[in-house]
Amino acid sequence: MFDNYIIEIRPPSMGVTFQAGIVVRDGGSFKFFAASRAFDALEGQRFNNPKTAEQAALRCIAEMLARKAGARATAIAPAGQFVGPGEHDGEYDGKYDAEPPAA
C-alpha cells in the first residue's frame, strides 16, 4: 500500500476532472492537503482511506456548485423587479440592461 495519493475527481454532470489535493498517510489515517481554494474546507482533515477523501471532495464540489446555482437563481427576478445586493429598493431601474427595454 502507498503512503501518498493524488485525489482527482470528475463529477458526472461536468465532464471535467478537478485536482482536489493529495492525502498523505499519517499514522493510521490519511491527511488531506488541498490543491486549490475550492477544496480548502477539506484542508487538514483526516480520512480512513483515500476513497473516503475522494468522496468528500466530490461532496465539496457538489455543494459549491449548488451554492453557485442558488446564487444565480436569486439574481433572476420577475419582470420589473431587481433581486440582489446593493442600494436598490426592489424597483427595476433598467440600470443593468445593455439597452432600454422595448415599450
Protein backbone atom coordinates (compact mmCIF):
# COMPACT_ATOMS: atom_id res chain seq x y z
CA MET A 1 0.00 0.00 0.00
CA PHE A 2 1.22 3.50 -0.84
CA ASP A 3 1.59 6.37 1.62
CA ASN A 4 0.51 9.23 -0.69
CA TYR A 5 -2.36 9.54 -3.16
CA ILE A 6 -3.44 12.25 -5.56
CA ILE A 7 -7.16 12.93 -5.27
CA GLU A 8 -8.75 13.80 -8.60
CA ILE A 9 -12.49 13.93 -9.09
CA ARG A 10 -14.74 14.05 -12.11
CA PRO A 11 -18.30 14.97 -11.22
CA PRO A 12 -20.70 13.07 -13.51
CA SER A 13 -22.55 16.24 -14.50
CA MET A 14 -19.45 18.17 -15.57
CA GLY A 15 -17.12 16.05 -17.68
CA VAL A 16 -14.13 17.92 -16.24
CA THR A 17 -11.50 16.47 -13.90
CA PHE A 18 -10.53 18.52 -10.84
CA GLN A 19 -7.32 18.03 -8.91
CA ALA A 20 -8.69 18.23 -5.38
CA GLY A 21 -5.49 17.59 -3.48
CA ILE A 22 -3.36 14.85 -2.01
CA VAL A 23 -3.69 12.61 1.00
CA VAL A 24 -0.63 11.57 2.97
CA ARG A 25 -0.55 8.67 5.37
CA ASP A 26 -0.13 9.94 8.91
CA GLY A 27 -0.26 7.11 11.40
CA GLY A 28 -3.48 5.16 10.91
CA SER A 29 -5.19 7.78 8.75
CA PHE A 30 -4.65 9.96 5.69
CA LYS A 31 -4.33 13.75 5.98
CA PHE A 32 -5.76 15.89 3.16
CA PHE A 33 -3.85 18.79 1.56
CA ALA A 34 -5.95 20.91 -0.82
CA ALA A 35 -4.66 21.61 -4.34
CA SER A 36 -6.95 24.62 -4.86
CA ARG A 37 -9.12 27.01 -2.87
CA ALA A 38 -12.24 25.11 -3.93
CA PHE A 39 -11.18 22.32 -1.56
CA ASP A 40 -9.92 24.42 1.36
CA ALA A 41 -12.76 23.10 3.51
CA LEU A 42 -11.04 19.69 3.45
CA GLU A 43 -7.57 21.03 4.30
CA GLY A 44 -6.06 19.12 7.22
CA GLN A 45 -8.98 16.73 7.60
CA ARG A 46 -8.16 13.10 8.25
CA PHE A 47 -9.72 10.18 6.41
CA ASN A 48 -9.65 6.45 6.98
CA ASN A 49 -8.60 5.80 3.39
CA PRO A 50 -8.11 7.66 0.08
CA LYS A 51 -11.55 6.62 -1.18
CA THR A 52 -13.33 8.47 1.63
CA ALA A 53 -11.22 11.55 0.85
CA GLU A 54 -12.31 11.31 -2.79
CA GLN A 55 -15.97 11.05 -1.75
CA ALA A 56 -15.58 14.11 0.49
CA ALA A 57 -14.03 16.06 -2.42
CA LEU A 58 -17.00 15.13 -4.64
CA ARG A 59 -19.41 16.36 -1.95
CA CYS A 60 -17.38 19.55 -1.57
CA ILE A 61 -17.57 20.40 -5.29
CA ALA A 62 -21.27 19.45 -5.43
CA GLU A 63 -22.01 21.82 -2.53
CA MET A 64 -20.01 24.60 -4.18
CA LEU A 65 -21.90 24.16 -7.46
CA ALA A 66 -25.23 24.12 -5.61
CA ARG A 67 -24.35 27.38 -3.83
CA LYS A 68 -23.41 29.00 -7.15
CA ALA A 69 -26.62 27.78 -8.78
CA GLY A 70 -28.62 29.10 -5.83
CA ALA A 71 -26.90 32.48 -6.08
CA ARG A 72 -27.71 32.68 -9.78
CA ALA A 73 -31.34 31.74 -9.12
CA THR A 74 -31.76 34.53 -6.56
CA ALA A 75 -30.39 37.06 -9.05
CA ILE A 76 -33.20 36.24 -11.51
CA ALA A 77 -36.37 38.14 -10.72
CA PRO A 78 -39.83 38.50 -12.21
CA ALA A 79 -40.14 41.21 -14.84
CA GLY A 80 -39.93 44.67 -13.35
CA GLN A 81 -38.06 43.68 -10.19
CA PHE A 82 -34.44 43.58 -9.13
CA VAL A 83 -33.19 40.94 -6.71
CA GLY A 84 -29.73 41.03 -5.26
CA PRO A 85 -27.37 43.02 -3.08
CA GLY A 86 -26.93 46.75 -3.46
CA GLU A 87 -28.67 50.03 -2.88
CA HIS A 88 -31.81 49.07 -4.80
CA ASP A 89 -35.21 49.14 -3.19
CA GLY A 90 -36.61 46.33 -5.33
CA GLU A 91 -37.83 48.52 -8.18
CA TYR A 92 -36.45 47.87 -11.63
CA ASP A 93 -34.50 50.85 -12.92
CA GLY A 94 -33.02 49.46 -16.15
CA LYS A 95 -29.53 50.34 -14.96
CA TYR A 96 -28.10 46.91 -15.78
CA ASP A 97 -29.60 46.48 -19.24
CA ALA A 98 -27.41 46.85 -22.31
CA GLU A 99 -30.24 48.73 -24.00
CA PRO A 100 -33.57 50.01 -22.76
CA PRO A 101 -36.48 47.56 -22.83
CA ALA A 102 -38.90 47.84 -25.75
CA ALA A 103 -42.10 49.69 -24.94
